[in-house]
Amino acid sequence: DHEFMQQPWTGFTVQISFVKGWGQCYTRQFISSCPCWLEVIFNNR
């Protein structure tokens, strides 16, 4: 996949939210609505 070669693939990313959850089971649908969260991007090279 040309796009994969040009940028980090989302499979190498983990999202972590403190205290508040998100998704279908919560009022927040996206992690960007969570108050405090982390994005961990792994080196895939």
ModelCIF file with pLDDT and N, C-alpha, C, O atoms, coordinates in Angstrom:
data_MODEL
#
_entry.id   MODEL 
#
_entity.id                         1 
_entity.type                       polymer 
_entity.pdbx_number_of_molecules   1 
#
_entity_poly.entity_id                      1 
_entity_poly.type                           'polypeptide(L)' 
_entity_poly.nstd_linkage                   no 
_entity_poly.nstd_monomer                   no 
_entity_poly.pdbx_seq_one_letter_code       DHEFMQQPWTGFTVQISFVKGWGQCYTRQFISSCPCWLEVIFNNR 
_entity_poly.pdbx_seq_one_letter_code_can   DHEFMQQPWTGFTVQISFVKGWGQCYTRQFISSCPCWLEVIFNNR 
_entity_poly.pdbx_strand_id                 A 
#
loop_
_entity_poly_seq.entity_id 
_entity_poly_seq.num 
_entity_poly_seq.mon_id 
_entity_poly_seq.hetero 
1 1  ASP n 
1 2  HIS n 
1 3  GLU n 
1 4  PHE n 
1 5  MET n 
1 6  GLN n 
1 7  GLN n 
1 8  PRO n 
1 9  TRP n 
1 10 THR n 
1 11 GLY n 
1 12 PHE n 
1 13 THR n 
1 14 VAL n 
1 15 GLN n 
1 16 ILE n 
1 17 SER n 
1 18 PHE n 
1 19 VAL n 
1 20 LYS n 
1 21 GLY n 
1 22 TRP n 
1 23 GLY n 
1 24 GLN n 
1 25 CYS n 
1 26 TYR n 
1 27 THR n 
1 28 ARG n 
1 29 GLN n 
1 30 PHE n 
1 31 ILE n 
1 32 SER n 
1 33 SER n 
1 34 CYS n 
1 35 PRO n 
1 36 CYS n 
1 37 TRP n 
1 38 LEU n 
1 39 GLU n 
1 40 VAL n 
1 41 ILE n 
1 42 PHE n 
1 43 ASN n 
1 44 ASN n 
1 45 ARG n 
#
_struct_asym.id          A 
_struct_asym.entity_id   1 
#
loop_
_ma_qa_metric.id 
_ma_qa_metric.mode 
_ma_qa_metric.name 
_ma_qa_metric.software_group_id 
_ma_qa_metric.type 
1 global pLDDT . pLDDT 
2 local  pLDDT . pLDDT 
#
_ma_qa_metric_global.metric_id      1 
_ma_qa_metric_global.metric_value   80.69 
_ma_qa_metric_global.model_id       1 
_ma_qa_metric_global.ordinal_id     1 
#
loop_
_ma_qa_metric_local.label_asym_id 
_ma_qa_metric_local.label_comp_id 
_ma_qa_metric_local.label_seq_id 
_ma_qa_metric_local.metric_id 
_ma_qa_metric_local.metric_value 
_ma_qa_metric_local.model_id 
_ma_qa_metric_local.ordinal_id 
A ASP 1  2 45.00 1 1  
A HIS 2  2 45.00 1 2  
A GLU 3  2 42.00 1 3  
A PHE 4  2 41.00 1 4  
A MET 5  2 41.00 1 5  
A GLN 6  2 42.00 1 6  
A GLN 7  2 43.00 1 7  
A PRO 8  2 44.00 1 8  
A TRP 9  2 47.00 1 9  
A THR 10 2 58.00 1 10 
A GLY 11 2 66.00 1 11 
A PHE 12 2 85.00 1 12 
A THR 13 2 91.00 1 13 
A VAL 14 2 94.00 1 14 
A GLN 15 2 96.00 1 15 
A ILE 16 2 97.00 1 16 
A SER 17 2 98.00 1 17 
A PHE 18 2 98.00 1 18 
A VAL 19 2 97.00 1 19 
A LYS 20 2 97.00 1 20 
A GLY 21 2 96.00 1 21 
A TRP 22 2 95.00 1 22 
A GLY 23 2 90.00 1 23 
A GLN 24 2 84.00 1 24 
A CYS 25 2 84.00 1 25 
A TYR 26 2 90.00 1 26 
A THR 27 2 92.00 1 27 
A ARG 28 2 94.00 1 28 
A GLN 29 2 92.00 1 29 
A PHE 30 2 94.00 1 30 
A ILE 31 2 95.00 1 31 
A SER 32 2 95.00 1 32 
A SER 33 2 95.00 1 33 
A CYS 34 2 97.00 1 34 
A PRO 35 2 97.00 1 35 
A CYS 36 2 97.00 1 36 
A TRP 37 2 97.00 1 37 
A LEU 38 2 98.00 1 38 
A GLU 39 2 96.00 1 39 
A VAL 40 2 96.00 1 40 
A ILE 41 2 93.00 1 41 
A PHE 42 2 90.00 1 42 
A ASN 43 2 83.00 1 43 
A ASN 44 2 69.00 1 44 
A ARG 45 2 55.00 1 45 
#
loop_
_atom_site.group_PDB 
_atom_site.id 
_atom_site.type_symbol 
_atom_site.label_atom_id 
_atom_site.label_alt_id 
_atom_site.label_comp_id 
_atom_site.label_asym_id 
_atom_site.label_entity_id 
_atom_site.label_seq_id 
_atom_site.pdbx_PDB_ins_code 
_atom_site.Cartn_x 
_atom_site.Cartn_y 
_atom_site.Cartn_z 
_atom_site.occupancy 
_atom_site.B_iso_or_equiv 
_atom_site.pdbx_formal_charge 
_atom_site.auth_seq_id 
_atom_site.auth_comp_id 
_atom_site.auth_asym_id 
_atom_site.auth_atom_id 
_atom_site.pdbx_PDB_model_num 
ATOM 1   N N  . ASP A 1 1  ? 0.849   -1.187 0.000  1.00 45.00 ? 1  ASP A N  1 
ATOM 2   C CA . ASP A 1 1  ? 0.000   0.000  0.000  1.00 45.00 ? 1  ASP A CA 1 
ATOM 3   C C  . ASP A 1 1  ? 0.889   1.243  0.000  1.00 45.00 ? 1  ASP A C  1 
ATOM 4   O O  . ASP A 1 1  ? 1.641   1.473  0.947  1.00 45.00 ? 1  ASP A O  1 
ATOM 5   N N  . HIS A 1 2  ? 0.801   2.042  -1.063 1.00 45.00 ? 2  HIS A N  1 
ATOM 6   C CA . HIS A 1 2  ? 1.655   3.235  -1.196 1.00 45.00 ? 2  HIS A CA 1 
ATOM 7   C C  . HIS A 1 2  ? 1.450   4.190  -0.016 1.00 45.00 ? 2  HIS A C  1 
ATOM 8   O O  . HIS A 1 2  ? 2.400   4.779  0.499  1.00 45.00 ? 2  HIS A O  1 
ATOM 9   N N  . GLU A 1 3  ? 0.199   4.326  0.395  1.00 42.00 ? 3  GLU A N  1 
ATOM 10  C CA . GLU A 1 3  ? -0.098  5.238  1.510  1.00 42.00 ? 3  GLU A CA 1 
ATOM 11  C C  . GLU A 1 3  ? 0.603   4.770  2.781  1.00 42.00 ? 3  GLU A C  1 
ATOM 12  O O  . GLU A 1 3  ? 1.106   5.585  3.554  1.00 42.00 ? 3  GLU A O  1 
ATOM 13  N N  . PHE A 1 4  ? 0.635   3.443  2.996  1.00 41.00 ? 4  PHE A N  1 
ATOM 14  C CA . PHE A 1 4  ? 1.307   2.897  4.182  1.00 41.00 ? 4  PHE A CA 1 
ATOM 15  C C  . PHE A 1 4  ? 2.797   3.242  4.177  1.00 41.00 ? 4  PHE A C  1 
ATOM 16  O O  . PHE A 1 4  ? 3.379   3.539  5.220  1.00 41.00 ? 4  PHE A O  1 
ATOM 17  N N  . MET A 1 5  ? 3.397   3.198  3.006  1.00 41.00 ? 5  MET A N  1 
ATOM 18  C CA . MET A 1 5  ? 4.834   3.466  2.917  1.00 41.00 ? 5  MET A CA 1 
ATOM 19  C C  . MET A 1 5  ? 5.140   4.937  3.171  1.00 41.00 ? 5  MET A C  1 
ATOM 20  O O  . MET A 1 5  ? 6.259   5.274  3.557  1.00 41.00 ? 5  MET A O  1 
ATOM 21  N N  . GLN A 1 6  ? 4.173   5.811  2.963  1.00 42.00 ? 6  GLN A N  1 
ATOM 22  C CA . GLN A 1 6  ? 4.408   7.248  3.079  1.00 42.00 ? 6  GLN A CA 1 
ATOM 23  C C  . GLN A 1 6  ? 4.169   7.788  4.488  1.00 42.00 ? 6  GLN A C  1 
ATOM 24  O O  . GLN A 1 6  ? 4.688   8.848  4.837  1.00 42.00 ? 6  GLN A O  1 
ATOM 25  N N  . GLN A 1 7  ? 3.393   7.078  5.296  1.00 43.00 ? 7  GLN A N  1 
ATOM 26  C CA . GLN A 1 7  ? 3.080   7.603  6.623  1.00 43.00 ? 7  GLN A CA 1 
ATOM 27  C C  . GLN A 1 7  ? 2.841   6.463  7.602  1.00 43.00 ? 7  GLN A C  1 
ATOM 28  O O  . GLN A 1 7  ? 2.585   5.336  7.180  1.00 43.00 ? 7  GLN A O  1 
ATOM 29  N N  . PRO A 1 8  ? 2.922   6.738  8.917  1.00 44.00 ? 8  PRO A N  1 
ATOM 30  C CA . PRO A 1 8  ? 2.703   5.685  9.897  1.00 44.00 ? 8  PRO A CA 1 
ATOM 31  C C  . PRO A 1 8  ? 1.307   5.092  9.738  1.00 44.00 ? 8  PRO A C  1 
ATOM 32  O O  . PRO A 1 8  ? 0.327   5.816  9.560  1.00 44.00 ? 8  PRO A O  1 
ATOM 33  N N  . TRP A 1 9  ? 1.235   3.790  9.803  1.00 47.00 ? 9  TRP A N  1 
ATOM 34  C CA . TRP A 1 9  ? -0.058  3.117  9.697  1.00 47.00 ? 9  TRP A CA 1 
ATOM 35  C C  . TRP A 1 9  ? -0.771  3.174  11.038 1.00 47.00 ? 9  TRP A C  1 
ATOM 36  O O  . TRP A 1 9  ? -0.127  3.083  12.083 1.00 47.00 ? 9  TRP A O  1 
ATOM 37  N N  . THR A 1 10 ? -2.100  3.323  11.024 1.00 58.00 ? 10 THR A N  1 
ATOM 38  C CA . THR A 1 10 ? -2.837  3.500  12.275 1.00 58.00 ? 10 THR A CA 1 
ATOM 39  C C  . THR A 1 10 ? -2.774  2.262  13.158 1.00 58.00 ? 10 THR A C  1 
ATOM 40  O O  . THR A 1 10 ? -3.043  2.344  14.356 1.00 58.00 ? 10 THR A O  1 
ATOM 41  N N  . GLY A 1 11 ? -2.420  1.107  12.576 1.00 66.00 ? 11 GLY A N  1 
ATOM 42  C CA . GLY A 1 11 ? -2.267  -0.103 13.380 1.00 66.00 ? 11 GLY A CA 1 
ATOM 43  C C  . GLY A 1 11 ? -1.099  -0.025 14.336 1.00 66.00 ? 11 GLY A C  1 
ATOM 44  O O  . GLY A 1 11 ? -1.004  -0.829 15.264 1.00 66.00 ? 11 GLY A O  1 
ATOM 45  N N  . PHE A 1 12 ? -0.208  0.928  14.128 1.00 85.00 ? 12 PHE A N  1 
ATOM 46  C CA . PHE A 1 12 ? 0.939   1.108  15.013 1.00 85.00 ? 12 PHE A CA 1 
ATOM 47  C C  . PHE A 1 12 ? 0.690   2.226  16.021 1.00 85.00 ? 12 PHE A C  1 
ATOM 48  O O  . PHE A 1 12 ? 1.632   2.784  16.582 1.00 85.00 ? 12 PHE A O  1 
ATOM 49  N N  . THR A 1 13 ? -0.566  2.545  16.244 1.00 91.00 ? 13 THR A N  1 
ATOM 50  C CA . THR A 1 13 ? -0.941  3.582  17.199 1.00 91.00 ? 13 THR A CA 1 
ATOM 51  C C  . THR A 1 13 ? -1.885  3.017  18.254 1.00 91.00 ? 13 THR A C  1 
ATOM 52  O O  . THR A 1 13 ? -2.817  2.279  17.932 1.00 91.00 ? 13 THR A O  1 
ATOM 53  N N  . VAL A 1 14 ? -1.640  3.367  19.511 1.00 94.00 ? 14 VAL A N  1 
ATOM 54  C CA . VAL A 1 14 ? -2.525  2.985  20.616 1.00 94.00 ? 14 VAL A CA 1 
ATOM 55  C C  . VAL A 1 14 ? -3.024  4.264  21.271 1.00 94.00 ? 14 VAL A C  1 
ATOM 56  O O  . VAL A 1 14 ? -2.251  5.193  21.504 1.00 94.00 ? 14 VAL A O  1 
ATOM 57  N N  . GLN A 1 15 ? -4.309  4.310  21.566 1.00 96.00 ? 15 GLN A N  1 
ATOM 58  C CA . GLN A 1 15 ? -4.907  5.465  22.243 1.00 96.00 ? 15 GLN A CA 1 
ATOM 59  C C  . GLN A 1 15 ? -5.292  5.072  23.666 1.00 96.00 ? 15 GLN A C  1 
ATOM 60  O O  . GLN A 1 15 ? -5.881  4.015  23.891 1.00 96.00 ? 15 GLN A O  1 
ATOM 61  N N  . ILE A 1 16 ? -4.954  5.930  24.618 1.00 97.00 ? 16 ILE A N  1 
ATOM 62  C CA . ILE A 1 16 ? -5.216  5.656  26.039 1.00 97.00 ? 16 ILE A CA 1 
ATOM 63  C C  . ILE A 1 16 ? -5.856  6.883  26.672 1.00 97.00 ? 16 ILE A C  1 
ATOM 64  O O  . ILE A 1 16 ? -5.299  7.979  26.614 1.00 97.00 ? 16 ILE A O  1 
ATOM 65  N N  . SER A 1 17 ? -7.019  6.699  27.272 1.00 98.00 ? 17 SER A N  1 
ATOM 66  C CA . SER A 1 17 ? -7.700  7.798  27.955 1.00 98.00 ? 17 SER A CA 1 
ATOM 67  C C  . SER A 1 17 ? -7.678  7.569  29.459 1.00 98.00 ? 17 SER A C  1 
ATOM 68  O O  . SER A 1 17 ? -7.885  6.450  29.929 1.00 98.00 ? 17 SER A O  1 
ATOM 69  N N  . PHE A 1 18 ? -7.427  8.633  30.208 1.00 98.00 ? 18 PHE A N  1 
ATOM 70  C CA . PHE A 1 18 ? -7.461  8.558  31.668 1.00 98.00 ? 18 PHE A CA 1 
ATOM 71  C C  . PHE A 1 18 ? -8.884  8.799  32.170 1.00 98.00 ? 18 PHE A C  1 
ATOM 72  O O  . PHE A 1 18 ? -9.529  9.765  31.763 1.00 98.00 ? 18 PHE A O  1 
ATOM 73  N N  . VAL A 1 19 ? -9.367  7.939  33.037 1.00 97.00 ? 19 VAL A N  1 
ATOM 74  C CA . VAL A 1 19 ? -10.618 8.105  33.793 1.00 97.00 ? 19 VAL A CA 1 
ATOM 75  C C  . VAL A 1 19 ? -11.885 7.968  32.939 1.00 97.00 ? 19 VAL A C  1 
ATOM 76  O O  . VAL A 1 19 ? -12.805 7.251  33.331 1.00 97.00 ? 19 VAL A O  1 
ATOM 77  N N  . LYS A 1 20 ? -11.951 8.632  31.796 1.00 97.00 ? 20 LYS A N  1 
ATOM 78  C CA . LYS A 1 20 ? -13.161 8.655  30.970 1.00 97.00 ? 20 LYS A CA 1 
ATOM 79  C C  . LYS A 1 20 ? -13.030 7.760  29.742 1.00 97.00 ? 20 LYS A C  1 
ATOM 80  O O  . LYS A 1 20 ? -12.002 7.773  29.065 1.00 97.00 ? 20 LYS A O  1 
ATOM 81  N N  . GLY A 1 21 ? -14.078 6.981  29.457 1.00 96.00 ? 21 GLY A N  1 
ATOM 82  C CA . GLY A 1 21 ? -14.084 6.122  28.285 1.00 96.00 ? 21 GLY A CA 1 
ATOM 83  C C  . GLY A 1 21 ? -14.751 6.805  27.105 1.00 96.00 ? 21 GLY A C  1 
ATOM 84  O O  . GLY A 1 21 ? -15.317 7.890  27.233 1.00 96.00 ? 21 GLY A O  1 
ATOM 85  N N  . TRP A 1 22 ? -14.673 6.144  25.942 1.00 95.00 ? 22 TRP A N  1 
ATOM 86  C CA . TRP A 1 22 ? -15.320 6.681  24.741 1.00 95.00 ? 22 TRP A CA 1 
ATOM 87  C C  . TRP A 1 22 ? -15.793 5.520  23.876 1.00 95.00 ? 22 TRP A C  1 
ATOM 88  O O  . TRP A 1 22 ? -15.436 4.366  24.111 1.00 95.00 ? 22 TRP A O  1 
ATOM 89  N N  . GLY A 1 23 ? -16.591 5.840  22.885 1.00 90.00 ? 23 GLY A N  1 
ATOM 90  C CA . GLY A 1 23 ? -17.094 4.808  21.983 1.00 90.00 ? 23 GLY A CA 1 
ATOM 91  C C  . GLY A 1 23 ? -18.587 4.595  22.143 1.00 90.00 ? 23 GLY A C  1 
ATOM 92  O O  . GLY A 1 23 ? -19.286 5.408  22.747 1.00 90.00 ? 23 GLY A O  1 
ATOM 93  N N  . GLN A 1 24 ? -19.064 3.481  21.590 1.00 84.00 ? 24 GLN A N  1 
ATOM 94  C CA . GLN A 1 24 ? -20.492 3.209  21.520 1.00 84.00 ? 24 GLN A CA 1 
ATOM 95  C C  . GLN A 1 24 ? -21.147 3.114  22.894 1.00 84.00 ? 24 GLN A C  1 
ATOM 96  O O  . GLN A 1 24 ? -22.332 3.412  23.049 1.00 84.00 ? 24 GLN A O  1 
ATOM 97  N N  . CYS A 1 25 ? -20.369 2.698  23.887 1.00 84.00 ? 25 CYS A N  1 
ATOM 98  C CA . CYS A 1 25 ? -20.933 2.502  25.227 1.00 84.00 ? 25 CYS A CA 1 
ATOM 99  C C  . CYS A 1 25 ? -20.946 3.782  26.063 1.00 84.00 ? 25 CYS A C  1 
ATOM 100 O O  . CYS A 1 25 ? -21.428 3.770  27.196 1.00 84.00 ? 25 CYS A O  1 
ATOM 101 N N  . TYR A 1 26 ? -20.432 4.867  25.528 1.00 90.00 ? 26 TYR A N  1 
ATOM 102 C CA . TYR A 1 26 ? -20.276 6.092  26.314 1.00 90.00 ? 26 TYR A CA 1 
ATOM 103 C C  . TYR A 1 26 ? -20.882 7.291  25.578 1.00 90.00 ? 26 TYR A C  1 
ATOM 104 O O  . TYR A 1 26 ? -21.177 7.230  24.385 1.00 90.00 ? 26 TYR A O  1 
ATOM 105 N N  . THR A 1 27 ? -21.053 8.367  26.320 1.00 92.00 ? 27 THR A N  1 
ATOM 106 C CA . THR A 1 27 ? -21.590 9.579  25.691 1.00 92.00 ? 27 THR A CA 1 
ATOM 107 C C  . THR A 1 27 ? -20.571 10.173 24.724 1.00 92.00 ? 27 THR A C  1 
ATOM 108 O O  . THR A 1 27 ? -20.948 10.805 23.738 1.00 92.00 ? 27 THR A O  1 
ATOM 109 N N  . ARG A 1 28 ? -19.283 9.974  24.999 1.00 94.00 ? 28 ARG A N  1 
ATOM 110 C CA . ARG A 1 28 ? -18.239 10.452 24.088 1.00 94.00 ? 28 ARG A CA 1 
ATOM 111 C C  . ARG A 1 28 ? -18.016 9.411  22.997 1.00 94.00 ? 28 ARG A C  1 
ATOM 112 O O  . ARG A 1 28 ? -17.672 8.267  23.291 1.00 94.00 ? 28 ARG A O  1 
ATOM 113 N N  . GLN A 1 29 ? -18.208 9.797  21.753 1.00 92.00 ? 29 GLN A N  1 
ATOM 114 C CA . GLN A 1 29 ? -18.043 8.854  20.651 1.00 92.00 ? 29 GLN A CA 1 
ATOM 115 C C  . GLN A 1 29 ? -16.589 8.752  20.187 1.00 92.00 ? 29 GLN A C  1 
ATOM 116 O O  . GLN A 1 29 ? -16.163 7.704  19.700 1.00 92.00 ? 29 GLN A O  1 
ATOM 117 N N  . PHE A 1 30 ? -15.835 9.832  20.336 1.00 94.00 ? 30 PHE A N  1 
ATOM 118 C CA . PHE A 1 30 ? -14.454 9.864  19.856 1.00 94.00 ? 30 PHE A CA 1 
ATOM 119 C C  . PHE A 1 30 ? -13.515 10.216 21.003 1.00 94.00 ? 30 PHE A C  1 
ATOM 120 O O  . PHE A 1 30 ? -13.895 10.916 21.941 1.00 94.00 ? 30 PHE A O  1 
ATOM 121 N N  . ILE A 1 31 ? -12.287 9.723  20.915 1.00 95.00 ? 31 ILE A N  1 
ATOM 122 C CA . ILE A 1 31 ? -11.329 9.985  21.995 1.00 95.00 ? 31 ILE A CA 1 
ATOM 123 C C  . ILE A 1 31 ? -11.012 11.474 22.104 1.00 95.00 ? 31 ILE A C  1 
ATOM 124 O O  . ILE A 1 31 ? -10.607 11.943 23.168 1.00 95.00 ? 31 ILE A O  1 
ATOM 125 N N  . SER A 1 32 ? -11.191 12.220 21.017 1.00 95.00 ? 32 SER A N  1 
ATOM 126 C CA . SER A 1 32 ? -10.909 13.661 21.060 1.00 95.00 ? 32 SER A CA 1 
ATOM 127 C C  . SER A 1 32 ? -11.905 14.418 21.934 1.00 95.00 ? 32 SER A C  1 
ATOM 128 O O  . SER A 1 32 ? -11.738 15.613 22.180 1.00 95.00 ? 32 SER A O  1 
ATOM 129 N N  . SER A 1 33 ? -12.941 13.721 22.403 1.00 95.00 ? 33 SER A N  1 
ATOM 130 C CA . SER A 1 33 ? -13.872 14.334 23.363 1.00 95.00 ? 33 SER A CA 1 
ATOM 131 C C  . SER A 1 33 ? -13.477 14.014 24.796 1.00 95.00 ? 33 SER A C  1 
ATOM 132 O O  . SER A 1 33 ? -14.073 14.541 25.735 1.00 95.00 ? 33 SER A O  1 
ATOM 133 N N  . CYS A 1 34 ? -12.477 13.154 24.974 1.00 97.00 ? 34 CYS A N  1 
ATOM 134 C CA . CYS A 1 34 ? -12.033 12.793 26.329 1.00 97.00 ? 34 CYS A CA 1 
ATOM 135 C C  . CYS A 1 34 ? -11.152 13.905 26.896 1.00 97.00 ? 34 CYS A C  1 
ATOM 136 O O  . CYS A 1 34 ? -10.392 14.531 26.157 1.00 97.00 ? 34 CYS A O  1 
ATOM 137 N N  . PRO A 1 35 ? -11.250 14.153 28.201 1.00 97.00 ? 35 PRO A N  1 
ATOM 138 C CA . PRO A 1 35 ? -10.514 15.271 28.813 1.00 97.00 ? 35 PRO A CA 1 
ATOM 139 C C  . PRO A 1 35 ? -8.992  15.129 28.720 1.00 97.00 ? 35 PRO A C  1 
ATOM 140 O O  . PRO A 1 35 ? -8.308  16.081 28.346 1.00 97.00 ? 35 PRO A O  1 
ATOM 141 N N  . CYS A 1 36 ? -8.458  13.952 29.055 1.00 97.00 ? 36 CYS A N  1 
ATOM 142 C CA . CYS A 1 36 ? -7.008  13.753 29.084 1.00 97.00 ? 36 CYS A CA 1 
ATOM 143 C C  . CYS A 1 36 ? -6.671  12.393 28.483 1.00 97.00 ? 36 CYS A C  1 
ATOM 144 O O  . CYS A 1 36 ? -7.119  11.360 28.980 1.00 97.00 ? 36 CYS A O  1 
ATOM 145 N N  . TRP A 1 37 ? -5.888  12.399 27.424 1.00 97.00 ? 37 TRP A N  1 
ATOM 146 C CA . TRP A 1 37 ? -5.580  11.129 26.777 1.00 97.00 ? 37 TRP A CA 1 
ATOM 147 C C  . TRP A 1 37 ? -4.214  11.142 26.110 1.00 97.00 ? 37 TRP A C  1 
ATOM 148 O O  . TRP A 1 37 ? -3.605  12.194 25.914 1.00 97.00 ? 37 TRP A O  1 
ATOM 149 N N  . LEU A 1 38 ? -3.748  9.946  25.767 1.00 98.00 ? 38 LEU A N  1 
ATOM 150 C CA . LEU A 1 38 ? -2.435  9.769  25.164 1.00 98.00 ? 38 LEU A CA 1 
ATOM 151 C C  . LEU A 1 38 ? -2.559  9.081  23.815 1.00 98.00 ? 38 LEU A C  1 
ATOM 152 O O  . LEU A 1 38 ? -3.444  8.255  23.598 1.00 98.00 ? 38 LEU A O  1 
ATOM 153 N N  . GLU A 1 39 ? -1.666  9.434  22.926 1.00 96.00 ? 39 GLU A N  1 
ATOM 154 C CA . GLU A 1 39 ? -1.521  8.749  21.648 1.00 96.00 ? 39 GLU A CA 1 
ATOM 155 C C  . GLU A 1 39 ? -0.095  8.194  21.643 1.00 96.00 ? 39 GLU A C  1 
ATOM 156 O O  . GLU A 1 39 ? 0.871   8.955  21.711 1.00 96.00 ? 39 GLU A O  1 
ATOM 157 N N  . VAL A 1 40 ? 0.034   6.867  21.563 1.00 96.00 ? 40 VAL A N  1 
ATOM 158 C CA . VAL A 1 40 ? 1.343   6.210  21.555 1.00 96.00 ? 40 VAL A CA 1 
ATOM 159 C C  . VAL A 1 40 ? 1.566   5.670  20.144 1.00 96.00 ? 40 VAL A C  1 
ATOM 160 O O  . VAL A 1 40 ? 0.808   4.823  19.671 1.00 96.00 ? 40 VAL A O  1 
ATOM 161 N N  . ILE A 1 41 ? 2.605   6.162  19.478 1.00 93.00 ? 41 ILE A N  1 
ATOM 162 C CA . ILE A 1 41 ? 2.873   5.794  18.082 1.00 93.00 ? 41 ILE A CA 1 
ATOM 163 C C  . ILE A 1 41 ? 4.177   5.003  18.037 1.00 93.00 ? 41 ILE A C  1 
ATOM 164 O O  . ILE A 1 41 ? 5.240   5.507  18.398 1.00 93.00 ? 41 ILE A O  1 
ATOM 165 N N  . PHE A 1 42 ? 4.071   3.748  17.584 1.00 90.00 ? 42 PHE A N  1 
ATOM 166 C CA . PHE A 1 42 ? 5.228   2.855  17.602 1.00 90.00 ? 42 PHE A CA 1 
ATOM 167 C C  . PHE A 1 42 ? 6.055   2.958  16.340 1.00 90.00 ? 42 PHE A C  1 
ATOM 168 O O  . PHE A 1 42 ? 5.529   3.175  15.248 1.00 90.00 ? 42 PHE A O  1 
ATOM 169 N N  . ASN A 1 43 ? 7.364   2.800  16.504 1.00 83.00 ? 43 ASN A N  1 
ATOM 170 C CA . ASN A 1 43 ? 8.290   2.833  15.386 1.00 83.00 ? 43 ASN A CA 1 
ATOM 171 C C  . ASN A 1 43 ? 8.120   1.548  14.594 1.00 83.00 ? 43 ASN A C  1 
ATOM 172 O O  . ASN A 1 43 ? 8.405   0.468  15.111 1.00 83.00 ? 43 ASN A O  1 
ATOM 173 N N  . ASN A 1 44 ? 7.664   1.639  13.359 1.00 69.00 ? 44 ASN A N  1 
ATOM 174 C CA . ASN A 1 44 ? 7.406   0.441  12.566 1.00 69.00 ? 44 ASN A CA 1 
ATOM 175 C C  . ASN A 1 44 ? 8.487   0.184  11.531 1.00 69.00 ? 44 ASN A C  1 
ATOM 176 O O  . ASN A 1 44 ? 8.289   -0.609 10.610 1.00 69.00 ? 44 ASN A O  1 
ATOM 177 N N  . ARG A 1 45 ? 9.618   0.841  11.672 1.00 55.00 ? 45 ARG A N  1 
ATOM 178 C CA . ARG A 1 45 ? 10.710  0.654  10.703 1.00 55.00 ? 45 ARG A CA 1 
ATOM 179 C C  . ARG A 1 45 ? 11.658  -0.430 11.178 1.00 55.00 ? 45 ARG A C  1 
ATOM 180 O O  . ARG A 1 45 ? 12.639  -0.733 10.499 1.00 55.00 ? 45 ARG A O  1 
#
